[in-house]
Amino acid sequence: MAGMFPDEGRESPRHRARNLLALVQALAEASRPGESLEDYRSRLGRRLAALARAESLLPEREGEQAPSVGRLVRGELASWGLGEDSRVALAGPVAPIRPRAVRMLALALHELAANAAEHGALARDGGGLAISWERKGGHVVIEWRETCASASPDAPRGFGRELIEEGLPHQLGATVDYRLGPEGLICRIVAQIAAD
């Protein structure tokens, strides 16, 4: 999985374009066994839209404000028609992140939001989602907690979970703790991506 994602560490326009195309290719190659063409197109379209949202947040010039974790979270939830309400709680300070981390983090948040909306806590009555983030020195800590999202810890790993558990550590040097159990999902991401 790690080889599927480009090295985001380089920032020149040529490398940025090459990395973006490699990421699009990885997204295009992600499919589920037995998935219909219509489902594949829909899933790919949503992933490309998440990538486009991330690209639109990237600073165009040196010195422009870096996007924040909260902005990424809110953008991905909004793409699913979700926002802060009685079932969704958001908490965290303004925490700008390095531009090189925006794409991968946005895609990881997209995959978490997609799962919550389609299969997880927000797909059933009584489910809830709490997302918190904080800055600890140069690190950003994000906790995604779904309740009443009964799922088996033995559920097969799909593209989204691979992106989170393998892509984030490879690309961002993140530490990921992804726990799926009978009471829900807890995903904790710690990465040294805070903008100066």
N, C-alpha and C. Protein backbone atom coordinates (compact mmCIF):
# COMPACT_ATOMS: atom_id res chain seq x y z
N MET A 1 0.82 -1.20 0.00
CA MET A 1 0.00 0.00 0.00
C MET A 1 0.86 1.25 0.00
N ALA A 2 1.93 1.26 0.79
CA ALA A 2 2.74 2.47 0.91
C ALA A 2 3.28 2.90 -0.45
N GLY A 3 3.63 1.95 -1.31
CA GLY A 3 4.14 2.30 -2.62
C GLY A 3 3.10 2.91 -3.54
N MET A 4 1.82 2.77 -3.19
CA MET A 4 0.76 3.34 -4.02
C MET A 4 0.70 4.85 -3.92
N PHE A 5 1.23 5.42 -2.85
CA PHE A 5 1.09 6.84 -2.61
C PHE A 5 2.41 7.54 -2.86
N PRO A 6 2.36 8.70 -3.53
CA PRO A 6 3.57 9.43 -3.85
C PRO A 6 4.19 10.06 -2.61
N ASP A 7 5.48 10.38 -2.71
CA ASP A 7 6.18 11.06 -1.63
C ASP A 7 5.79 12.53 -1.67
N GLU A 8 5.07 13.00 -0.64
CA GLU A 8 4.58 14.37 -0.60
C GLU A 8 5.61 15.34 -0.04
N GLY A 9 6.81 14.90 0.25
CA GLY A 9 7.78 15.76 0.90
C GLY A 9 8.35 16.86 0.00
N ARG A 10 8.31 16.70 -1.28
CA ARG A 10 8.87 17.68 -2.21
C ARG A 10 7.79 18.66 -2.61
N GLU A 11 8.17 19.92 -2.77
CA GLU A 11 7.16 20.95 -3.00
C GLU A 11 7.27 21.66 -4.35
N SER A 12 8.22 21.31 -5.21
CA SER A 12 8.35 22.02 -6.48
C SER A 12 7.10 21.75 -7.33
N PRO A 13 6.75 22.68 -8.23
CA PRO A 13 5.55 22.48 -9.07
C PRO A 13 5.59 21.17 -9.86
N ARG A 14 6.75 20.81 -10.36
CA ARG A 14 6.86 19.57 -11.13
C ARG A 14 6.55 18.36 -10.25
N HIS A 15 7.15 18.33 -9.06
CA HIS A 15 6.91 17.21 -8.15
C HIS A 15 5.47 17.23 -7.65
N ARG A 16 4.92 18.41 -7.42
CA ARG A 16 3.54 18.51 -6.96
C ARG A 16 2.59 17.91 -8.00
N ALA A 17 2.80 18.23 -9.27
CA ALA A 17 1.96 17.69 -10.33
C ALA A 17 2.13 16.18 -10.45
N ARG A 18 3.38 15.72 -10.39
CA ARG A 18 3.66 14.28 -10.49
C ARG A 18 3.01 13.53 -9.32
N ASN A 19 3.14 14.09 -8.12
CA ASN A 19 2.55 13.46 -6.93
C ASN A 19 1.03 13.41 -7.02
N LEU A 20 0.45 14.50 -7.51
CA LEU A 20 -1.00 14.55 -7.65
C LEU A 20 -1.49 13.49 -8.64
N LEU A 21 -0.80 13.35 -9.76
CA LEU A 21 -1.19 12.34 -10.75
C LEU A 21 -1.02 10.93 -10.20
N ALA A 22 0.03 10.68 -9.45
CA ALA A 22 0.23 9.36 -8.84
C ALA A 22 -0.88 9.06 -7.83
N LEU A 23 -1.30 10.08 -7.10
CA LEU A 23 -2.38 9.90 -6.14
C LEU A 23 -3.70 9.61 -6.86
N VAL A 24 -3.97 10.32 -7.94
CA VAL A 24 -5.18 10.06 -8.74
C VAL A 24 -5.15 8.64 -9.28
N GLN A 25 -4.00 8.19 -9.75
CA GLN A 25 -3.88 6.82 -10.24
C GLN A 25 -4.18 5.82 -9.15
N ALA A 26 -3.65 6.04 -7.95
CA ALA A 26 -3.92 5.13 -6.82
C ALA A 26 -5.41 5.09 -6.50
N LEU A 27 -6.05 6.24 -6.54
CA LEU A 27 -7.50 6.29 -6.28
C LEU A 27 -8.26 5.53 -7.36
N ALA A 28 -7.84 5.70 -8.61
CA ALA A 28 -8.53 5.03 -9.73
C ALA A 28 -8.38 3.51 -9.66
N GLU A 29 -7.26 3.04 -9.13
CA GLU A 29 -7.02 1.61 -9.06
C GLU A 29 -7.70 0.94 -7.87
N ALA A 30 -8.21 1.73 -6.95
CA ALA A 30 -8.86 1.17 -5.75
C ALA A 30 -10.28 0.77 -6.08
N SER A 31 -10.55 -0.51 -6.01
CA SER A 31 -11.91 -1.00 -6.22
C SER A 31 -12.14 -2.19 -5.31
N ARG A 32 -13.40 -2.52 -5.13
CA ARG A 32 -13.75 -3.66 -4.29
C ARG A 32 -14.07 -4.86 -5.17
N PRO A 33 -13.74 -6.05 -4.73
CA PRO A 33 -14.12 -7.24 -5.50
C PRO A 33 -15.63 -7.29 -5.68
N GLY A 34 -16.07 -7.50 -6.89
CA GLY A 34 -17.49 -7.61 -7.17
C GLY A 34 -18.22 -6.28 -7.24
N GLU A 35 -17.50 -5.17 -7.16
CA GLU A 35 -18.13 -3.85 -7.20
C GLU A 35 -18.64 -3.56 -8.61
N SER A 36 -19.85 -3.04 -8.71
CA SER A 36 -20.40 -2.71 -10.02
C SER A 36 -19.70 -1.47 -10.57
N LEU A 37 -19.78 -1.30 -11.87
CA LEU A 37 -19.17 -0.14 -12.51
C LEU A 37 -19.80 1.15 -11.97
N GLU A 38 -21.09 1.14 -11.74
CA GLU A 38 -21.77 2.32 -11.22
C GLU A 38 -21.26 2.67 -9.81
N ASP A 39 -21.11 1.66 -8.95
CA ASP A 39 -20.59 1.90 -7.60
C ASP A 39 -19.15 2.39 -7.66
N TYR A 40 -18.36 1.80 -8.54
CA TYR A 40 -16.97 2.23 -8.69
C TYR A 40 -16.90 3.69 -9.11
N ARG A 41 -17.67 4.06 -10.12
CA ARG A 41 -17.68 5.45 -10.60
C ARG A 41 -18.08 6.42 -9.48
N SER A 42 -19.10 6.05 -8.73
CA SER A 42 -19.57 6.90 -7.64
C SER A 42 -18.49 7.07 -6.57
N ARG A 43 -17.89 5.97 -6.16
CA ARG A 43 -16.84 6.00 -5.13
C ARG A 43 -15.63 6.80 -5.62
N LEU A 44 -15.21 6.56 -6.85
CA LEU A 44 -14.07 7.29 -7.41
C LEU A 44 -14.41 8.78 -7.51
N GLY A 45 -15.60 9.09 -7.96
CA GLY A 45 -16.01 10.50 -8.07
C GLY A 45 -15.96 11.22 -6.73
N ARG A 46 -16.42 10.55 -5.67
CA ARG A 46 -16.38 11.17 -4.34
C ARG A 46 -14.95 11.35 -3.85
N ARG A 47 -14.09 10.37 -4.13
CA ARG A 47 -12.69 10.49 -3.72
C ARG A 47 -11.98 11.61 -4.49
N LEU A 48 -12.25 11.71 -5.79
CA LEU A 48 -11.65 12.79 -6.57
C LEU A 48 -12.17 14.15 -6.12
N ALA A 49 -13.44 14.22 -5.73
CA ALA A 49 -14.00 15.48 -5.22
C ALA A 49 -13.30 15.85 -3.90
N ALA A 50 -13.01 14.88 -3.05
CA ALA A 50 -12.28 15.15 -1.81
C ALA A 50 -10.88 15.68 -2.12
N LEU A 51 -10.24 15.09 -3.10
CA LEU A 51 -8.92 15.55 -3.51
C LEU A 51 -8.99 16.97 -4.07
N ALA A 52 -10.02 17.26 -4.85
CA ALA A 52 -10.19 18.62 -5.39
C ALA A 52 -10.44 19.63 -4.28
N ARG A 53 -11.23 19.26 -3.28
CA ARG A 53 -11.44 20.17 -2.14
C ARG A 53 -10.12 20.45 -1.44
N ALA A 54 -9.31 19.41 -1.27
CA ALA A 54 -8.01 19.59 -0.62
C ALA A 54 -7.12 20.51 -1.45
N GLU A 55 -7.09 20.30 -2.75
CA GLU A 55 -6.28 21.15 -3.63
C GLU A 55 -6.71 22.61 -3.54
N SER A 56 -8.00 22.84 -3.42
CA SER A 56 -8.50 24.22 -3.37
C SER A 56 -8.08 24.94 -2.09
N LEU A 57 -7.72 24.18 -1.06
CA LEU A 57 -7.30 24.77 0.21
C LEU A 57 -5.80 25.08 0.26
N LEU A 58 -5.05 24.50 -0.64
CA LEU A 58 -3.59 24.70 -0.60
C LEU A 58 -3.23 26.14 -0.93
N PRO A 59 -2.28 26.70 -0.17
CA PRO A 59 -1.83 28.06 -0.46
C PRO A 59 -1.19 28.11 -1.84
N GLU A 60 -1.45 29.19 -2.56
CA GLU A 60 -0.87 29.32 -3.89
C GLU A 60 0.48 30.00 -3.87
N ARG A 61 0.72 30.80 -2.82
CA ARG A 61 1.98 31.52 -2.72
C ARG A 61 2.57 31.36 -1.32
N GLU A 62 3.87 31.51 -1.26
CA GLU A 62 4.58 31.49 0.03
C GLU A 62 3.98 32.55 0.95
N GLY A 63 3.76 32.17 2.19
CA GLY A 63 3.25 33.13 3.17
C GLY A 63 1.74 33.14 3.31
N GLU A 64 1.02 32.50 2.38
CA GLU A 64 -0.44 32.42 2.53
C GLU A 64 -0.79 31.46 3.65
N GLN A 65 -1.94 31.69 4.26
CA GLN A 65 -2.34 30.89 5.41
C GLN A 65 -2.55 29.42 5.03
N ALA A 66 -2.01 28.55 5.87
CA ALA A 66 -2.16 27.11 5.68
C ALA A 66 -3.56 26.69 6.13
N PRO A 67 -4.14 25.68 5.49
CA PRO A 67 -5.46 25.20 5.92
C PRO A 67 -5.39 24.55 7.30
N SER A 68 -6.50 24.56 7.99
CA SER A 68 -6.53 24.00 9.34
C SER A 68 -7.23 22.65 9.35
N VAL A 69 -6.97 21.90 10.41
CA VAL A 69 -7.61 20.60 10.58
C VAL A 69 -9.12 20.77 10.61
N GLY A 70 -9.61 21.75 11.37
CA GLY A 70 -11.06 21.97 11.46
C GLY A 70 -11.70 22.23 10.12
N ARG A 71 -11.01 22.98 9.27
CA ARG A 71 -11.56 23.27 7.94
C ARG A 71 -11.65 22.00 7.10
N LEU A 72 -10.63 21.14 7.20
CA LEU A 72 -10.67 19.86 6.48
C LEU A 72 -11.81 18.98 6.99
N VAL A 73 -11.93 18.87 8.31
CA VAL A 73 -12.98 18.04 8.91
C VAL A 73 -14.35 18.54 8.48
N ARG A 74 -14.59 19.83 8.64
CA ARG A 74 -15.91 20.39 8.29
C ARG A 74 -16.22 20.23 6.80
N GLY A 75 -15.20 20.39 5.96
CA GLY A 75 -15.40 20.22 4.52
C GLY A 75 -15.78 18.80 4.14
N GLU A 76 -15.14 17.81 4.75
CA GLU A 76 -15.47 16.43 4.44
C GLU A 76 -16.84 16.04 4.98
N LEU A 77 -17.17 16.50 6.17
CA LEU A 77 -18.51 16.22 6.70
C LEU A 77 -19.58 16.88 5.83
N ALA A 78 -19.35 18.12 5.41
CA ALA A 78 -20.32 18.84 4.58
C ALA A 78 -20.55 18.12 3.25
N SER A 79 -19.51 17.48 2.72
CA SER A 79 -19.67 16.77 1.44
C SER A 79 -20.66 15.61 1.56
N TRP A 80 -20.93 15.18 2.80
CA TRP A 80 -21.89 14.11 3.06
C TRP A 80 -23.19 14.68 3.63
N GLY A 81 -23.34 16.00 3.56
CA GLY A 81 -24.55 16.64 4.10
C GLY A 81 -24.57 16.62 5.62
N LEU A 82 -23.40 16.51 6.24
CA LEU A 82 -23.31 16.43 7.69
C LEU A 82 -22.65 17.68 8.24
N GLY A 83 -23.00 18.00 9.44
CA GLY A 83 -22.38 19.12 10.14
C GLY A 83 -22.56 18.91 11.62
N GLU A 84 -22.12 19.89 12.37
CA GLU A 84 -22.23 19.79 13.82
C GLU A 84 -23.70 19.88 14.20
N ASP A 85 -24.19 18.84 14.88
CA ASP A 85 -25.58 18.79 15.34
C ASP A 85 -25.67 17.85 16.53
N SER A 86 -26.86 17.36 16.82
CA SER A 86 -27.03 16.50 18.00
C SER A 86 -26.28 15.16 17.88
N ARG A 87 -25.93 14.77 16.65
CA ARG A 87 -25.22 13.50 16.45
C ARG A 87 -23.74 13.67 16.16
N VAL A 88 -23.34 14.88 15.83
CA VAL A 88 -21.95 15.14 15.45
C VAL A 88 -21.39 16.25 16.33
N ALA A 89 -20.33 15.93 17.06
CA ALA A 89 -19.67 16.92 17.93
C ALA A 89 -18.24 17.14 17.44
N LEU A 90 -17.88 18.41 17.30
CA LEU A 90 -16.53 18.78 16.86
C LEU A 90 -15.88 19.64 17.93
N ALA A 91 -14.61 19.39 18.20
CA ALA A 91 -13.91 20.19 19.20
C ALA A 91 -12.43 20.28 18.85
N GLY A 92 -11.94 21.49 18.82
CA GLY A 92 -10.52 21.68 18.59
C GLY A 92 -10.21 23.12 18.25
N PRO A 93 -8.98 23.51 18.49
CA PRO A 93 -8.55 24.87 18.19
C PRO A 93 -8.22 25.02 16.71
N VAL A 94 -7.97 26.23 16.29
CA VAL A 94 -7.45 26.44 14.94
C VAL A 94 -6.07 25.79 14.92
N ALA A 95 -5.90 24.82 14.05
CA ALA A 95 -4.65 24.07 13.99
C ALA A 95 -4.20 23.96 12.54
N PRO A 96 -3.49 25.00 12.04
CA PRO A 96 -3.01 24.95 10.65
C PRO A 96 -2.04 23.79 10.45
N ILE A 97 -2.10 23.21 9.27
CA ILE A 97 -1.20 22.09 8.96
C ILE A 97 -0.34 22.43 7.75
N ARG A 98 0.76 21.73 7.64
CA ARG A 98 1.66 21.95 6.51
C ARG A 98 0.98 21.59 5.20
N PRO A 99 1.20 22.39 4.17
CA PRO A 99 0.56 22.10 2.88
C PRO A 99 0.83 20.69 2.36
N ARG A 100 2.02 20.14 2.59
CA ARG A 100 2.35 18.81 2.07
C ARG A 100 1.47 17.72 2.67
N ALA A 101 0.82 18.01 3.81
CA ALA A 101 -0.01 17.01 4.49
C ALA A 101 -1.48 17.10 4.11
N VAL A 102 -1.87 18.15 3.43
CA VAL A 102 -3.30 18.41 3.19
C VAL A 102 -3.98 17.30 2.40
N ARG A 103 -3.39 16.88 1.29
CA ARG A 103 -4.04 15.87 0.44
C ARG A 103 -4.30 14.57 1.19
N MET A 104 -3.25 14.03 1.81
CA MET A 104 -3.40 12.73 2.47
C MET A 104 -4.35 12.82 3.66
N LEU A 105 -4.25 13.87 4.43
CA LEU A 105 -5.14 14.00 5.58
C LEU A 105 -6.58 14.18 5.11
N ALA A 106 -6.79 14.97 4.07
CA ALA A 106 -8.15 15.16 3.54
C ALA A 106 -8.73 13.83 3.05
N LEU A 107 -7.92 13.03 2.36
CA LEU A 107 -8.41 11.74 1.88
C LEU A 107 -8.73 10.80 3.04
N ALA A 108 -7.89 10.81 4.07
CA ALA A 108 -8.16 9.97 5.25
C ALA A 108 -9.47 10.40 5.92
N LEU A 109 -9.67 11.70 6.08
CA LEU A 109 -10.91 12.20 6.68
C LEU A 109 -12.11 11.88 5.79
N HIS A 110 -11.91 11.95 4.49
CA HIS A 110 -12.99 11.57 3.56
C HIS A 110 -13.38 10.12 3.77
N GLU A 111 -12.40 9.23 3.87
CA GLU A 111 -12.70 7.82 4.04
C GLU A 111 -13.41 7.55 5.37
N LEU A 112 -12.99 8.24 6.42
CA LEU A 112 -13.67 8.09 7.72
C LEU A 112 -15.11 8.61 7.63
N ALA A 113 -15.31 9.77 6.99
CA ALA A 113 -16.65 10.33 6.87
C ALA A 113 -17.54 9.44 6.00
N ALA A 114 -16.99 8.92 4.91
CA ALA A 114 -17.75 8.04 4.03
C ALA A 114 -18.21 6.79 4.79
N ASN A 115 -17.32 6.20 5.55
CA ASN A 115 -17.68 5.01 6.31
C ASN A 115 -18.74 5.32 7.36
N ALA A 116 -18.58 6.45 8.06
CA ALA A 116 -19.56 6.82 9.09
C ALA A 116 -20.94 7.04 8.48
N ALA A 117 -20.98 7.68 7.31
CA ALA A 117 -22.25 7.99 6.66
C ALA A 117 -22.90 6.77 6.00
N GLU A 118 -22.09 5.89 5.42
CA GLU A 118 -22.63 4.76 4.68
C GLU A 118 -22.84 3.51 5.53
N HIS A 119 -21.93 3.24 6.47
CA HIS A 119 -21.98 1.98 7.21
C HIS A 119 -21.86 2.14 8.72
N GLY A 120 -21.35 3.27 9.16
CA GLY A 120 -21.00 3.45 10.57
C GLY A 120 -22.07 4.11 11.39
N ALA A 121 -21.63 4.89 12.35
CA ALA A 121 -22.50 5.48 13.37
C ALA A 121 -23.60 6.36 12.80
N LEU A 122 -23.34 7.06 11.70
CA LEU A 122 -24.34 7.98 11.17
C LEU A 122 -25.28 7.32 10.17
N ALA A 123 -25.07 6.03 9.93
CA ALA A 123 -25.94 5.29 9.02
C ALA A 123 -27.10 4.64 9.77
N ARG A 124 -27.11 4.78 11.10
CA ARG A 124 -28.16 4.13 11.89
C ARG A 124 -28.64 5.07 12.99
N ASP A 125 -29.86 4.85 13.42
CA ASP A 125 -30.42 5.64 14.51
C ASP A 125 -29.61 5.42 15.78
N GLY A 126 -29.44 6.46 16.54
CA GLY A 126 -28.76 6.35 17.82
C GLY A 126 -27.25 6.43 17.74
N GLY A 127 -26.70 6.51 16.55
CA GLY A 127 -25.26 6.60 16.40
C GLY A 127 -24.78 8.03 16.60
N GLY A 128 -23.54 8.16 16.97
CA GLY A 128 -22.97 9.48 17.17
C GLY A 128 -21.51 9.51 16.74
N LEU A 129 -21.05 10.71 16.47
CA LEU A 129 -19.67 10.92 16.02
C LEU A 129 -19.09 12.10 16.78
N ALA A 130 -17.93 11.91 17.36
CA ALA A 130 -17.20 12.98 18.04
C ALA A 130 -15.81 13.04 17.42
N ILE A 131 -15.45 14.22 16.93
CA ILE A 131 -14.13 14.42 16.32
C ILE A 131 -13.46 15.55 17.10
N SER A 132 -12.26 15.26 17.57
CA SER A 132 -11.50 16.29 18.28
C SER A 132 -10.10 16.35 17.70
N TRP A 133 -9.47 17.51 17.84
CA TRP A 133 -8.10 17.67 17.40
C TRP A 133 -7.42 18.70 18.29
N GLU A 134 -6.11 18.55 18.37
CA GLU A 134 -5.32 19.48 19.14
C GLU A 134 -3.91 19.52 18.58
N ARG A 135 -3.23 20.56 18.93
CA ARG A 135 -1.83 20.71 18.52
C ARG A 135 -0.97 20.49 19.76
N LYS A 136 0.03 19.63 19.60
CA LYS A 136 1.00 19.38 20.68
C LYS A 136 2.38 19.59 20.09
N GLY A 137 2.91 20.79 20.29
CA GLY A 137 4.19 21.13 19.67
C GLY A 137 4.01 21.13 18.16
N GLY A 138 4.87 20.42 17.47
CA GLY A 138 4.76 20.33 16.01
C GLY A 138 3.81 19.25 15.54
N HIS A 139 3.20 18.54 16.49
CA HIS A 139 2.29 17.44 16.14
C HIS A 139 0.83 17.90 16.17
N VAL A 140 0.04 17.25 15.35
CA VAL A 140 -1.41 17.39 15.39
C VAL A 140 -1.96 16.03 15.80
N VAL A 141 -2.88 16.05 16.76
CA VAL A 141 -3.53 14.82 17.24
C VAL A 141 -5.00 14.92 16.88
N ILE A 142 -5.49 13.93 16.14
CA ILE A 142 -6.90 13.89 15.74
C ILE A 142 -7.50 12.61 16.30
N GLU A 143 -8.67 12.74 16.93
CA GLU A 143 -9.38 11.55 17.40
C GLU A 143 -10.77 11.54 16.79
N TRP A 144 -11.08 10.45 16.11
CA TRP A 144 -12.37 10.21 15.45
C TRP A 144 -13.03 9.10 16.25
N ARG A 145 -14.18 9.38 16.84
CA ARG A 145 -14.84 8.40 17.70
C ARG A 145 -16.30 8.24 17.27
N GLU A 146 -16.65 7.04 16.80
CA GLU A 146 -18.03 6.72 16.44
C GLU A 146 -18.61 5.80 17.51
N THR A 147 -19.84 6.08 17.92
CA THR A 147 -20.51 5.22 18.89
C THR A 147 -21.75 4.61 18.24
N CYS A 148 -22.12 3.43 18.72
CA CYS A 148 -23.25 2.67 18.17
C CYS A 148 -23.01 2.31 16.72
N ALA A 149 -21.79 2.08 16.39
CA ALA A 149 -21.45 1.66 15.02
C ALA A 149 -20.98 0.22 15.09
N SER A 150 -21.89 -0.67 15.44
CA SER A 150 -21.50 -2.06 15.66
C SER A 150 -20.83 -2.63 14.41
N ALA A 151 -19.61 -3.05 14.60
CA ALA A 151 -18.85 -3.64 13.51
C ALA A 151 -17.88 -4.64 14.11
N SER A 152 -17.55 -5.59 13.35
CA SER A 152 -16.63 -6.62 13.81
C SER A 152 -15.19 -6.15 13.63
N PRO A 153 -14.35 -6.40 14.64
CA PRO A 153 -12.93 -6.08 14.47
C PRO A 153 -12.30 -6.87 13.34
N ASP A 154 -12.97 -7.96 12.93
CA ASP A 154 -12.46 -8.80 11.85
C ASP A 154 -12.98 -8.40 10.48
N ALA A 155 -13.68 -7.24 10.40
CA ALA A 155 -14.21 -6.78 9.12
C ALA A 155 -13.05 -6.63 8.13
N PRO A 156 -13.29 -6.96 6.86
CA PRO A 156 -12.19 -6.87 5.89
C PRO A 156 -11.71 -5.42 5.73
N ARG A 157 -10.41 -5.29 5.52
CA ARG A 157 -9.84 -3.96 5.31
C ARG A 157 -10.05 -3.53 3.88
N GLY A 158 -10.65 -2.37 3.73
CA GLY A 158 -10.84 -1.81 2.40
C GLY A 158 -9.79 -0.76 2.11
N PHE A 159 -9.94 -0.09 0.98
CA PHE A 159 -9.00 0.94 0.56
C PHE A 159 -8.86 2.05 1.60
N GLY A 160 -9.98 2.51 2.14
CA GLY A 160 -9.95 3.60 3.11
C GLY A 160 -9.14 3.26 4.34
N ARG A 161 -9.36 2.08 4.87
CA ARG A 161 -8.61 1.68 6.07
C ARG A 161 -7.13 1.50 5.75
N GLU A 162 -6.82 0.98 4.58
CA GLU A 162 -5.42 0.86 4.18
C GLU A 162 -4.77 2.23 4.03
N LEU A 163 -5.51 3.16 3.44
CA LEU A 163 -4.99 4.52 3.30
C LEU A 163 -4.67 5.11 4.68
N ILE A 164 -5.56 4.91 5.63
CA ILE A 164 -5.38 5.45 6.97
C ILE A 164 -4.24 4.75 7.70
N GLU A 165 -4.26 3.42 7.71
CA GLU A 165 -3.28 2.67 8.50
C GLU A 165 -1.91 2.53 7.85
N GLU A 166 -1.84 2.63 6.54
CA GLU A 166 -0.56 2.48 5.86
C GLU A 166 -0.11 3.75 5.15
N GLY A 167 -1.03 4.41 4.47
CA GLY A 167 -0.68 5.63 3.73
C GLY A 167 -0.26 6.77 4.62
N LEU A 168 -1.00 7.01 5.71
CA LEU A 168 -0.64 8.12 6.60
C LEU A 168 0.73 7.91 7.26
N PRO A 169 1.03 6.72 7.79
CA PRO A 169 2.37 6.52 8.34
C PRO A 169 3.47 6.69 7.28
N HIS A 170 3.22 6.17 6.08
CA HIS A 170 4.23 6.26 5.03
C HIS A 170 4.44 7.70 4.57
N GLN A 171 3.35 8.41 4.31
CA GLN A 171 3.44 9.76 3.75
C GLN A 171 3.75 10.83 4.78
N LEU A 172 3.14 10.71 5.95
CA LEU A 172 3.23 11.79 6.94
C LEU A 172 4.01 11.40 8.19
N GLY A 173 4.50 10.17 8.24
CA GLY A 173 5.17 9.71 9.45
C GLY A 173 4.22 9.63 10.62
N ALA A 174 2.94 9.45 10.33
CA ALA A 174 1.90 9.44 11.36
C ALA A 174 1.91 8.14 12.14
N THR A 175 1.44 8.24 13.37
CA THR A 175 1.13 7.08 14.17
C THR A 175 -0.38 6.96 14.16
N VAL A 176 -0.89 5.78 13.82
CA VAL A 176 -2.33 5.58 13.71
C VAL A 176 -2.75 4.43 14.61
N ASP A 177 -3.77 4.70 15.42
CA ASP A 177 -4.39 3.66 16.24
C ASP A 177 -5.84 3.55 15.79
N TYR A 178 -6.15 2.49 15.05
CA TYR A 178 -7.48 2.29 14.46
C TYR A 178 -8.10 1.08 15.14
N ARG A 179 -9.11 1.32 15.97
CA ARG A 179 -9.75 0.23 16.70
C ARG A 179 -11.23 0.18 16.37
N LEU A 180 -11.64 -0.95 15.88
CA LEU A 180 -13.03 -1.19 15.50
C LEU A 180 -13.57 -2.28 16.41
N GLY A 181 -14.64 -1.96 17.14
CA GLY A 181 -15.19 -2.94 18.06
C GLY A 181 -16.69 -2.88 18.11
N PRO A 182 -17.29 -3.68 18.99
CA PRO A 182 -18.75 -3.75 19.06
C PRO A 182 -19.40 -2.42 19.42
N GLU A 183 -18.70 -1.56 20.16
CA GLU A 183 -19.30 -0.28 20.54
C GLU A 183 -18.99 0.83 19.56
N GLY A 184 -18.12 0.59 18.60
CA GLY A 184 -17.85 1.61 17.60
C GLY A 184 -16.41 1.65 17.13
N LEU A 185 -16.07 2.75 16.53
CA LEU A 185 -14.74 2.96 15.96
C LEU A 185 -14.04 4.08 16.70
N ILE A 186 -12.78 3.87 17.00
CA ILE A 186 -11.92 4.93 17.50
C ILE A 186 -10.69 4.95 16.60
N CYS A 187 -10.44 6.08 15.99
CA CYS A 187 -9.25 6.24 15.15
C CYS A 187 -8.50 7.46 15.66
N ARG A 188 -7.26 7.22 16.09
CA ARG A 188 -6.42 8.31 16.60
C ARG A 188 -5.21 8.45 15.68
N ILE A 189 -5.02 9.67 15.19
CA ILE A 189 -3.93 9.97 14.26
C ILE A 189 -3.04 11.02 14.91
N VAL A 190 -1.75 10.73 14.97
CA VAL A 190 -0.78 11.68 15.50
C VAL A 190 0.29 11.86 14.43
N ALA A 191 0.47 13.11 13.99
CA ALA A 191 1.45 13.37 12.93
C ALA A 191 2.11 14.71 13.14
N GLN A 192 3.39 14.78 12.79
CA GLN A 192 4.13 16.02 12.92
C GLN A 192 3.89 16.85 11.66
N ILE A 193 2.71 17.45 11.60
CA ILE A 193 2.29 18.20 10.42
C ILE A 193 1.81 19.61 10.74
N ALA A 194 1.95 20.04 12.00
CA ALA A 194 1.49 21.37 12.36
C ALA A 194 2.31 22.41 11.60
N ALA A 195 1.62 23.41 11.05
CA ALA A 195 2.31 24.50 10.35
C ALA A 195 2.93 25.42 11.39
N ASP A 196 4.06 26.00 11.02
CA ASP A 196 4.76 26.92 11.93
C ASP A 196 3.97 28.19 12.15
